[in-house]
C-alpha atoms as a PDB file:
ATOM      1  CA  MET A   1      -6.117 -20.801  -8.114  1.00  0.00           C
ATOM      2  CA  ILE A   2      -4.804 -18.785  -5.682  1.00  0.00           C
ATOM      3  CA  ILE A   3      -5.801 -16.889  -2.629  1.00  0.00           C
ATOM      4  CA  GLY A   4      -4.629 -13.580  -2.226  1.00  0.00           C
ATOM      5  CA  VAL A   5      -4.987 -11.321   1.030  1.00  0.00           C
ATOM      6  CA  ASP A   6      -4.650  -7.905   1.957  1.00  0.00           C
ATOM      7  CA  LEU A   7      -4.739  -7.941   5.838  1.00  0.00           C
ATOM      8  CA  GLY A   8      -4.891  -3.655   6.954  1.00  0.00           C
ATOM      9  CA  GLY A   9      -5.408  -2.072  10.465  1.00  0.00           C
ATOM     10  CA  THR A  10      -9.064  -1.557   9.434  1.00  0.00           C
ATOM     11  CA  ASN A  11     -10.138  -4.362   6.759  1.00  0.00           C
ATOM     12  CA  ILE A  12      -9.331  -7.488   6.064  1.00  0.00           C
ATOM     13  CA  ARG A  13      -9.900  -8.242   2.386  1.00  0.00           C
ATOM     14  CA  SER A  14      -9.606 -11.846   0.602  1.00  0.00           C
ATOM     15  CA  GLY A  15      -9.434 -13.083  -2.750  1.00  0.00           C
ATOM     16  CA  LEU A  16      -9.884 -16.172  -4.878  1.00  0.00           C
ATOM     17  CA  VAL A  17      -7.529 -15.272  -7.777  1.00  0.00           C
ATOM     18  CA  ASN A  18      -7.562 -16.840 -10.970  1.00  0.00           C
ATOM     19  CA  ASP A  19      -5.157 -16.284 -14.028  1.00  0.00           C
ATOM     20  CA  GLY A  20      -4.761 -12.792 -12.838  1.00  0.00           C
ATOM     21  CA  GLU A  21      -8.574 -12.281 -11.912  1.00  0.00           C
ATOM     22  CA  ILE A  22     -10.972 -12.185  -8.777  1.00  0.00           C
ATOM     23  CA  ILE A  23     -13.588 -14.364  -9.240  1.00  0.00           C
ATOM     24  CA  SER A  24     -14.689 -14.363  -5.548  1.00  0.00           C
ATOM     25  CA  LEU A  25     -14.118 -11.474  -2.642  1.00  0.00           C
ATOM     26  CA  ASN A  26     -14.615 -11.055   1.211  1.00  0.00           C
ATOM     27  CA  LYS A  27     -14.560  -8.109   3.063  1.00  0.00           C
ATOM     28  CA  SER A  28     -14.757  -8.048   6.478  1.00  0.00           C
ATOM     29  CA  SER A  29     -13.804  -4.815   9.573  1.00  0.00           C
ATOM     30  CA  LEU A  30     -11.452  -5.803  11.977  1.00  0.00           C
ATOM     31  CA  THR A  31     -12.341  -5.572  15.256  1.00  0.00           C
ATOM     32  CA  GLU A  32     -11.236  -6.496  18.929  1.00  0.00           C
ATOM     33  CA  LYS A  33      -7.686  -5.440  17.454  1.00  0.00           C
ATOM     34  CA  ASP A  34      -6.530  -5.869  21.084  1.00  0.00           C
ATOM     35  CA  SER A  35      -6.945  -9.501  20.950  1.00  0.00           C
ATOM     36  CA  PHE A  36      -4.520 -11.848  19.099  1.00  0.00           C
ATOM     37  CA  SER A  37      -6.793 -14.848  19.318  1.00  0.00           C
ATOM     38  CA  SER A  38      -9.728 -12.610  18.074  1.00  0.00           C
ATOM     39  CA  THR A  39      -8.156 -10.995  14.972  1.00  0.00           C
ATOM     40  CA  ILE A  40      -6.510 -14.266  14.186  1.00  0.00           C
ATOM     41  CA  ARG A  41      -9.288 -15.980  13.852  1.00  0.00           C
ATOM     42  CA  GLN A  42     -11.053 -13.104  12.191  1.00  0.00           C
ATOM     43  CA  LEU A  43      -8.602 -13.744   9.202  1.00  0.00           C
ATOM     44  CA  ILE A  44      -9.012 -17.340   9.282  1.00  0.00           C
ATOM     45  CA  ASN A  45     -12.683 -16.974   8.970  1.00  0.00           C
ATOM     46  CA  SER A  46     -12.325 -14.388   6.144  1.00  0.00           C
ATOM     47  CA  ILE A  47      -9.839 -16.759   3.988  1.00  0.00           C
ATOM     48  CA  ALA A  48     -11.613 -20.266   4.796  1.00  0.00           C
ATOM     49  CA  PRO A  49     -14.950 -19.761   2.646  1.00  0.00           C
ATOM     50  CA  LEU A  50     -12.278 -19.327  -0.500  1.00  0.00           C
ATOM     51  CA  VAL A  51     -10.144 -22.541   0.175  1.00  0.00           C
ATOM     52  CA  ASN A  52     -11.097 -25.551  -1.910  1.00  0.00           C
ATOM     53  CA  GLU A  53      -8.949 -28.231  -3.727  1.00  0.00           C
ATOM     54  CA  LYS A  54      -7.689 -26.344  -6.424  1.00  0.00           C
ATOM     55  CA  VAL A  55      -6.213 -23.838  -4.439  1.00  0.00           C
ATOM     56  CA  LYS A  56      -2.331 -24.157  -4.784  1.00  0.00           C
ATOM     57  CA  GLY A  57      -1.408 -21.493  -2.199  1.00  0.00           C
ATOM     58  CA  LEU A  58      -2.034 -18.122  -0.599  1.00  0.00           C
ATOM     59  CA  GLY A  59      -0.359 -15.032  -0.405  1.00  0.00           C
ATOM     60  CA  ILE A  60      -0.509 -12.189   1.972  1.00  0.00           C
ATOM     61  CA  GLY A  61       0.599  -8.610   2.395  1.00  0.00           C
ATOM     62  CA  VAL A  62       0.341  -7.225   5.782  1.00  0.00           C
ATOM     63  CA  PRO A  63       1.302  -3.493   7.010  1.00  0.00           C
ATOM     64  CA  SER A  64       4.530  -4.474   8.699  1.00  0.00           C
ATOM     65  CA  LEU A  65       8.000  -5.254   8.738  1.00  0.00           C
ATOM     66  CA  VAL A  66       8.179  -8.959   7.120  1.00  0.00           C
ATOM     67  CA  ASP A  67      10.488 -12.048   7.552  1.00  0.00           C
ATOM     68  CA  SER A  68       9.463 -12.832   3.994  1.00  0.00           C
ATOM     69  CA  LYS A  69      11.255 -16.316   4.325  1.00  0.00           C
ATOM     70  CA  ASN A  70       9.778 -17.377   7.271  1.00  0.00           C
ATOM     71  CA  GLY A  71       6.784 -15.751   7.266  1.00  0.00           C
ATOM     72  CA  ILE A  72       6.815 -13.604  10.792  1.00  0.00           C
ATOM     73  CA  VAL A  73       5.603 -10.192  10.537  1.00  0.00           C
ATOM     74  CA  TYR A  74       6.208  -7.377  13.278  1.00  0.00           C
ATOM     75  CA  GLU A  75       4.541  -4.850  14.927  1.00  0.00           C
ATOM     76  CA  VAL A  76       2.053  -4.778  12.541  1.00  0.00           C
ATOM     77  CA  ALA A  77       0.460  -1.090  11.899  1.00  0.00           C
ATOM     78  CA  ASN A  78      -2.737  -0.270  13.928  1.00  0.00           C
ATOM     79  CA  ILE A  79      -3.358  -4.070  15.351  1.00  0.00           C
ATOM     80  CA  PRO A  80      -0.959  -3.855  18.745  1.00  0.00           C
ATOM     81  CA  SER A  81      -1.737  -7.387  19.580  1.00  0.00           C
ATOM     82  CA  TRP A  82       0.253  -8.252  16.946  1.00  0.00           C
ATOM     83  CA  LYS A  83       3.988  -7.515  17.577  1.00  0.00           C
ATOM     84  CA  GLU A  84       5.505 -11.199  16.439  1.00  0.00           C
ATOM     85  CA  VAL A  85       3.628 -13.372  14.455  1.00  0.00           C
ATOM     86  CA  ALA A  86       4.318 -16.643  12.960  1.00  0.00           C
ATOM     87  CA  LEU A  87       1.605 -16.186  10.167  1.00  0.00           C
ATOM     88  CA  LYS A  88       2.959 -18.474   7.812  1.00  0.00           C
ATOM     89  CA  LYS A  89       2.656 -21.700  10.223  1.00  0.00           C
ATOM     90  CA  ILE A  90      -0.288 -20.417  11.448  1.00  0.00           C
ATOM     91  CA  LEU A  91      -1.912 -20.076   8.223  1.00  0.00           C
ATOM     92  CA  GLU A  92      -0.272 -23.325   6.853  1.00  0.00           C
ATOM     93  CA  ASP A  93      -1.388 -25.589   9.603  1.00  0.00           C
ATOM     94  CA  GLU A  94      -4.973 -23.756   9.478  1.00  0.00           C
ATOM     95  CA  PHE A  95      -5.534 -24.587   5.418  1.00  0.00           C
ATOM     96  CA  HIS A  96      -2.551 -26.867   4.712  1.00  0.00           C
ATOM     97  CA  ILE A  97      -1.420 -25.539   1.618  1.00  0.00           C
ATOM     98  CA  PRO A  98       1.632 -22.978   0.859  1.00  0.00           C
ATOM     99  CA  VAL A  99       1.681 -19.312   2.548  1.00  0.00           C
ATOM    100  CA  PHE A 100       3.654 -16.728   1.411  1.00  0.00           C
ATOM    101  CA  VAL A 101       3.909 -13.439   3.591  1.00  0.00           C
ATOM    102  CA  ASN A 102       4.885  -9.881   2.676  1.00  0.00           C
ATOM    103  CA  ASN A 103       4.508  -6.139   3.105  1.00  0.00           C
ATOM    104  CA  ASP A 104       1.085  -4.816   1.757  1.00  0.00           C
ATOM    105  CA  VAL A 105       2.507  -2.169  -0.107  1.00  0.00           C
ATOM    106  CA  ASN A 106       4.993  -4.313  -1.618  1.00  0.00           C
ATOM    107  CA  CYS A 107       1.982  -6.579  -2.826  1.00  0.00           C
ATOM    108  CA  LEU A 108       0.600  -3.255  -4.047  1.00  0.00           C
ATOM    109  CA  VAL A 109       3.071  -2.492  -6.357  1.00  0.00           C
ATOM    110  CA  LEU A 110       3.657  -6.184  -7.688  1.00  0.00           C
ATOM    111  CA  GLY A 111      -0.090  -6.132  -8.587  1.00  0.00           C
ATOM    112  CA  GLU A 112       0.578  -2.920 -10.551  1.00  0.00           C
ATOM    113  CA  HIS A 113       3.508  -4.273 -12.175  1.00  0.00           C
ATOM    114  CA  LEU A 114       1.958  -7.580 -13.266  1.00  0.00           C
ATOM    115  CA  TYR A 115      -1.409  -6.443 -13.563  1.00  0.00           C
ATOM    116  CA  GLY A 116      -1.747  -2.724 -14.004  1.00  0.00           C
ATOM    117  CA  GLU A 117      -0.508   0.206 -15.987  1.00  0.00           C
ATOM    118  CA  ALA A 118       2.946  -0.636 -14.455  1.00  0.00           C
ATOM    119  CA  LYS A 119       3.302  -3.581 -16.780  1.00  0.00           C
ATOM    120  CA  SER A 120       5.734  -1.860 -19.601  1.00  0.00           C
ATOM    121  CA  CYS A 121       7.795  -0.318 -16.482  1.00  0.00           C
ATOM    122  CA  SER A 122      11.148  -1.820 -15.436  1.00  0.00           C
ATOM    123  CA  SER A 123      11.815   0.372 -12.496  1.00  0.00           C
ATOM    124  CA  ILE A 124       8.349   1.460 -10.226  1.00  0.00           C
ATOM    125  CA  VAL A 125       7.882   3.170  -7.000  1.00  0.00           C
ATOM    126  CA  ALA A 126       4.146   2.955  -5.854  1.00  0.00           C
ATOM    127  CA  LEU A 127       3.028   4.899  -2.706  1.00  0.00           C
ATOM    128  CA  ALA A 128       0.254   4.175  -0.768  1.00  0.00           C
ATOM    129  CA  MET A 129      -1.470   7.307   0.755  1.00  0.00           C
ATOM    130  CA  GLY A 130      -3.875   6.311   3.322  1.00  0.00           C
ATOM    131  CA  THR A 131      -4.066   6.007   6.978  1.00  0.00           C
ATOM    132  CA  GLY A 132      -0.207   6.123   7.155  1.00  0.00           C
ATOM    133  CA  LEU A 133       2.190   6.087   4.216  1.00  0.00           C
ATOM    134  CA  GLY A 134       4.469   3.405   2.537  1.00  0.00           C
ATOM    135  CA  ALA A 135       5.980   2.384  -0.657  1.00  0.00           C
ATOM    136  CA  GLY A 136       6.771  -0.590  -2.663  1.00  0.00           C
ATOM    137  CA  ILE A 137       9.651  -0.861  -5.012  1.00  0.00           C
ATOM    138  CA  ILE A 138      10.615  -2.871  -8.413  1.00  0.00           C
ATOM    139  CA  ILE A 139      13.837  -2.476  -9.609  1.00  0.00           C
ATOM    140  CA  ASN A 140      14.779  -4.407 -12.601  1.00  0.00           C
ATOM    141  CA  ASP A 141      11.252  -6.206 -12.851  1.00  0.00           C
ATOM    142  CA  THR A 142      12.121  -7.520  -9.391  1.00  0.00           C
ATOM    143  CA  LEU A 143      10.487  -7.066  -6.048  1.00  0.00           C
ATOM    144  CA  TYR A 144      13.003  -5.137  -3.861  1.00  0.00           C
ATOM    145  CA  GLU A 145      12.534  -5.826  -0.391  1.00  0.00           C
ATOM    146  CA  GLY A 146      15.949  -4.541   1.492  1.00  0.00           C
ATOM    147  CA  ASN A 147      17.334  -6.980   4.444  1.00  0.00           C
ATOM    148  CA  ASN A 148      14.551  -6.827   6.472  1.00  0.00           C
ATOM    149  CA  CYS A 149      11.577  -6.414   3.902  1.00  0.00           C
ATOM    150  CA  GLY A 150      11.695  -2.509   5.376  1.00  0.00           C
ATOM    151  CA  ALA A 151      12.574  -1.319   1.683  1.00  0.00           C
ATOM    152  CA  GLY A 152      10.151   1.792   0.771  1.00  0.00           C
ATOM    153  CA  GLU A 153       9.609   3.070   4.763  1.00  0.00           C
ATOM    154  CA  VAL A 154       9.633   6.507   3.292  1.00  0.00           C
ATOM    155  CA  GLY A 155       7.083   7.947   5.491  1.00  0.00           C
ATOM    156  CA  SER A 156       9.425   7.998   8.335  1.00  0.00           C
ATOM    157  CA  ILE A 157      12.179   9.864   6.638  1.00  0.00           C
ATOM    158  CA  PRO A 158      12.453  13.279   8.789  1.00  0.00           C
ATOM    159  CA  TYR A 159      10.779  15.988   7.387  1.00  0.00           C
ATOM    160  CA  LEU A 160      10.045  19.408   8.704  1.00  0.00           C
ATOM    161  CA  ASP A 161       9.044  19.092  12.201  1.00  0.00           C
ATOM    162  CA  SER A 162       8.461  15.779  11.842  1.00  0.00           C
ATOM    163  CA  ILE A 163       8.329  12.702   9.365  1.00  0.00           C
ATOM    164  CA  PHE A 164       7.304  12.862   5.746  1.00  0.00           C
ATOM    165  CA  GLU A 165       4.227  10.291   6.993  1.00  0.00           C
ATOM    166  CA  ASP A 166       2.579  13.449   8.897  1.00  0.00           C
ATOM    167  CA  TYR A 167       2.368  15.389   5.762  1.00  0.00           C
ATOM    168  CA  THR A 168       1.565  13.075   3.374  1.00  0.00           C
ATOM    169  CA  SER A 169      -1.439  10.478   4.984  1.00  0.00           C
ATOM    170  CA  SER A 170      -4.376  11.265   6.417  1.00  0.00           C
ATOM    171  CA  ARG A 171      -2.401  12.412   9.649  1.00  0.00           C
ATOM    172  CA  PHE A 172      -1.911  15.781   7.490  1.00  0.00           C
ATOM    173  CA  PHE A 173      -5.400  16.487   7.433  1.00  0.00           C
ATOM    174  CA  GLU A 174      -5.991  15.478  11.263  1.00  0.00           C
ATOM    175  CA  LYS A 175      -3.043  17.287  13.099  1.00  0.00           C
ATOM    176  CA  HIS A 176      -3.144  20.698  11.183  1.00  0.00           C
ATOM    177  CA  PHE A 177      -6.616  21.147  10.133  1.00  0.00           C
ATOM    178  CA  GLY A 178      -8.523  18.932  12.542  1.00  0.00           C
ATOM    179  CA  ILE A 179     -10.314  16.962   9.631  1.00  0.00           C
ATOM    180  CA  THR A 180     -10.611  13.469   8.183  1.00  0.00           C
ATOM    181  CA  ALA A 181      -9.025  13.256   4.490  1.00  0.00           C
ATOM    182  CA  ALA A 182     -12.255  12.048   3.466  1.00  0.00           C
ATOM    183  CA  GLU A 183     -13.775  15.108   4.508  1.00  0.00           C
ATOM    184  CA  ALA A 184     -11.689  17.231   3.130  1.00  0.00           C
ATOM    185  CA  ASN A 185     -12.293  15.218  -0.342  1.00  0.00           C
ATOM    186  CA  SER A 186     -15.767  15.742   0.213  1.00  0.00           C
ATOM    187  CA  GLU A 187     -15.357  19.302   0.449  1.00  0.00           C
ATOM    188  CA  ALA A 188     -13.475  19.823  -2.412  1.00  0.00           C
ATOM    189  CA  ILE A 189     -15.904  18.156  -4.345  1.00  0.00           C
ATOM    190  CA  ARG A 190     -18.542  20.511  -3.277  1.00  0.00           C
ATOM    191  CA  GLY A 191     -15.930  23.417  -3.919  1.00  0.00           C
ATOM    192  CA  GLU A 192     -15.520  24.638  -0.818  1.00  0.00           C
ATOM    193  CA  GLN A 193     -12.441  26.938  -1.139  1.00  0.00           C
ATOM    194  CA  ARG A 194     -10.863  25.954   2.710  1.00  0.00           C
ATOM    195  CA  ALA A 195     -10.512  22.314   0.990  1.00  0.00           C
ATOM    196  CA  LYS A 196      -9.086  23.631  -2.043  1.00  0.00           C
ATOM    197  CA  LEU A 197      -6.054  25.130  -0.729  1.00  0.00           C
ATOM    198  CA  ILE A 198      -5.545  22.179   1.900  1.00  0.00           C
ATOM    199  CA  TRP A 199      -4.975  19.755  -0.862  1.00  0.00           C
ATOM    200  CA  GLU A 200      -2.922  22.526  -2.902  1.00  0.00           C
ATOM    201  CA  ASP A 201      -0.680  22.530   0.492  1.00  0.00           C
ATOM    202  CA  PHE A 202      -1.180  18.588   0.446  1.00  0.00           C
ATOM    203  CA  GLY A 203       0.250  18.828  -3.438  1.00  0.00           C
ATOM    204  CA  HIS A 204       3.383  20.680  -2.239  1.00  0.00           C
ATOM    205  CA  HIS A 205       4.302  18.153   0.408  1.00  0.00           C
ATOM    206  CA  LEU A 206       4.062  15.328  -1.525  1.00  0.00           C
ATOM    207  CA  GLY A 207       5.933  17.045  -4.425  1.00  0.00           C
ATOM    208  CA  ILE A 208       8.917  17.001  -2.092  1.00  0.00           C
ATOM    209  CA  LEU A 209       8.484  13.301  -1.153  1.00  0.00           C
ATOM    210  CA  ILE A 210       8.632  12.705  -4.438  1.00  0.00           C
ATOM    211  CA  GLN A 211      11.663  14.306  -5.553  1.00  0.00           C
ATOM    212  CA  THR A 212      13.221  12.582  -2.514  1.00  0.00           C
ATOM    213  CA  VAL A 213      12.078   9.193  -4.604  1.00  0.00           C
ATOM    214  CA  MET A 214      13.579  10.558  -7.182  1.00  0.00           C
ATOM    215  CA  PHE A 215      17.181  10.890  -5.861  1.00  0.00           C
ATOM    216  CA  ALA A 216      16.576   7.562  -4.162  1.00  0.00           C
ATOM    217  CA  PHE A 217      15.352   5.423  -7.203  1.00  0.00           C
ATOM    218  CA  ASP A 218      15.169   7.495 -10.044  1.00  0.00           C
ATOM    219  CA  PRO A 219      11.931   5.514 -11.284  1.00  0.00           C
ATOM    220  CA  GLN A 220      10.450   5.211 -15.062  1.00  0.00           C
ATOM    221  CA  LEU A 221       7.037   5.652 -13.016  1.00  0.00           C
ATOM    222  CA  ILE A 222       5.373   6.384  -9.417  1.00  0.00           C
ATOM    223  CA  MET A 223       2.238   4.902  -9.188  1.00  0.00           C
ATOM    224  CA  LEU A 224      -0.060   6.766  -6.155  1.00  0.00           C
ATOM    225  CA  GLY A 225      -2.367   4.414  -4.442  1.00  0.00           C
ATOM    226  CA  GLY A 226      -4.012   4.174  -1.392  1.00  0.00           C
ATOM    227  CA  SER A 227      -7.433   5.970  -0.062  1.00  0.00           C
ATOM    228  CA  ILE A 228      -6.206   9.330  -0.375  1.00  0.00           C
ATOM    229  CA  SER A 229      -5.073   9.458  -4.114  1.00  0.00           C
ATOM    230  CA  LYS A 230      -9.255   9.056  -4.820  1.00  0.00           C
ATOM    231  CA  ALA A 231      -8.438  13.159  -4.469  1.00  0.00           C
ATOM    232  CA  TYR A 232      -5.867  13.171  -6.647  1.00  0.00           C
ATOM    233  CA  PRO A 233      -7.373  15.810  -9.152  1.00  0.00           C
ATOM    234  CA  TYR A 234      -7.317  18.441  -6.115  1.00  0.00           C
ATOM    235  CA  PHE A 235      -3.742  17.780  -5.326  1.00  0.00           C
ATOM    236  CA  GLU A 236      -1.668  16.973  -8.784  1.00  0.00           C
ATOM    237  CA  LYS A 237      -1.485  20.750 -10.031  1.00  0.00           C
ATOM    238  CA  SER A 238       0.365  21.686  -6.966  1.00  0.00           C
ATOM    239  CA  MET A 239       2.191  18.099  -6.532  1.00  0.00           C
ATOM    240  CA  ARG A 240       3.534  18.713 -10.100  1.00  0.00           C
ATOM    241  CA  GLU A 241       4.471  22.203  -9.537  1.00  0.00           C
ATOM    242  CA  ILE A 242       6.946  21.081  -7.123  1.00  0.00           C
ATOM    243  CA  VAL A 243       8.482  18.172  -8.869  1.00  0.00           C
ATOM    244  CA  ALA A 244       8.920  20.354 -11.702  1.00  0.00           C
ATOM    245  CA  GLY A 245      11.660  22.201  -9.422  1.00  0.00           C
ATOM    246  CA  PHE A 246      13.522  18.726  -9.772  1.00  0.00           C
ATOM    247  CA  PRO A 247      17.192  19.601 -10.310  1.00  0.00           C
ATOM    248  CA  TYR A 248      17.523  17.411 -13.008  1.00  0.00           C
ATOM    249  CA  PRO A 249      14.782  18.011 -15.719  1.00  0.00           C
ATOM    250  CA  GLU A 250      15.416  15.143 -17.829  1.00  0.00           C
ATOM    251  CA  SER A 251      14.604  13.101 -15.139  1.00  0.00           C
ATOM    252  CA  VAL A 252      11.712  14.442 -14.724  1.00  0.00           C
ATOM    253  CA  LYS A 253      10.579  14.777 -18.341  1.00  0.00           C
ATOM    254  CA  ARG A 254      11.163  10.878 -18.238  1.00  0.00           C
ATOM    255  CA  LEU A 255       9.221  10.228 -14.908  1.00  0.00           C
ATOM    256  CA  ASN A 256       5.516   9.162 -15.390  1.00  0.00           C
ATOM    257  CA  ILE A 257       3.021   9.711 -12.123  1.00  0.00           C
ATOM    258  CA  LEU A 258      -0.126   7.814 -12.397  1.00  0.00           C
ATOM    259  CA  GLN A 259      -3.074   7.266 -10.423  1.00  0.00           C
ATOM    260  CA  SER A 260      -3.796   3.874  -9.126  1.00  0.00           C
ATOM    261  CA  LYS A 261      -7.226   2.648 -11.072  1.00  0.00           C
ATOM    262  CA  LEU A 262      -6.816  -1.175 -10.778  1.00  0.00           C
ATOM    263  CA  GLU A 263      -9.242  -2.401  -7.959  1.00  0.00           C
ATOM    264  CA  ASN A 264      -8.189  -4.675  -5.593  1.00  0.00           C
ATOM    265  CA  VAL A 265      -4.511  -4.494  -6.923  1.00  0.00           C
ATOM    266  CA  ALA A 266      -2.858  -5.628  -3.416  1.00  0.00           C
ATOM    267  CA  ILE A 267      -4.935  -8.682  -3.505  1.00  0.00           C
ATOM    268  CA  LEU A 268      -3.521  -9.753  -6.967  1.00  0.00           C
ATOM    269  CA  GLY A 269       0.031  -8.694  -5.567  1.00  0.00           C
ATOM    270  CA  ALA A 270      -0.761 -10.929  -2.529  1.00  0.00           C
ATOM    271  CA  ALA A 271      -1.621 -14.179  -5.067  1.00  0.00           C
ATOM    272  CA  ALA A 272       1.476 -13.433  -7.289  1.00  0.00           C
ATOM    273  CA  LEU A 273       3.579 -13.893  -4.110  1.00  0.00           C
ATOM    274  CA  VAL A 274       2.647 -17.683  -5.079  1.00  0.00           C
ATOM    275  CA  LYS A 275       4.491 -17.987  -8.129  1.00  0.00           C
END
């Protein structure tokens, strides 16, 4: 058995995984994020009930740059008290089992590659769209981290008057329309025309980002995950119209774009770090 943890800026999800299946799951909200001692204790409290003598290791995904060899995380997104944290050492000292640390979206793409619809693909880019935007990359069936585990930070690429993250994450809705992505989704479900146009605009920007990913990695599959991917039916058409304008038509024909549907996939990917 292995423990997989998906640490976000808002929630902690910890799962006990056996043969690729989550057999027990803990979910909790992360509070008092300005206090390092409080947040690390919340993380430990989420994991502790899952630890038993059969657990062989623990994998954790964190929204940050990661020294994956030494298990150190830097400037964790939306947890201001986590500037430089020796997470591997802290958790190994607490639980006395091997701990492996990586970026959260790397865990997502690894989970999709091992257990989801990306099983048959050797080159995959997963885009996680939520509070922010991140990407995880598989090349030749291997997770590609880059020199500082920072490969895939496509949200920080300059775009228009800002960066891609401001146009392909929840920031887009808040900055330009004064609503949340969840509110835009609810309005679209109710059939409100304004929301449909907002999602059409969102799909336009996402399509340009996907073209950028195609130029850089030319993957077989782009997997769309994160909370915003739940609104896929409302932005798919405009997104695909932009992708169709990619200058190499054969690349478009051979590219699959899918919505992630595997629940708690980042937990499964984090657990796979142990193997």
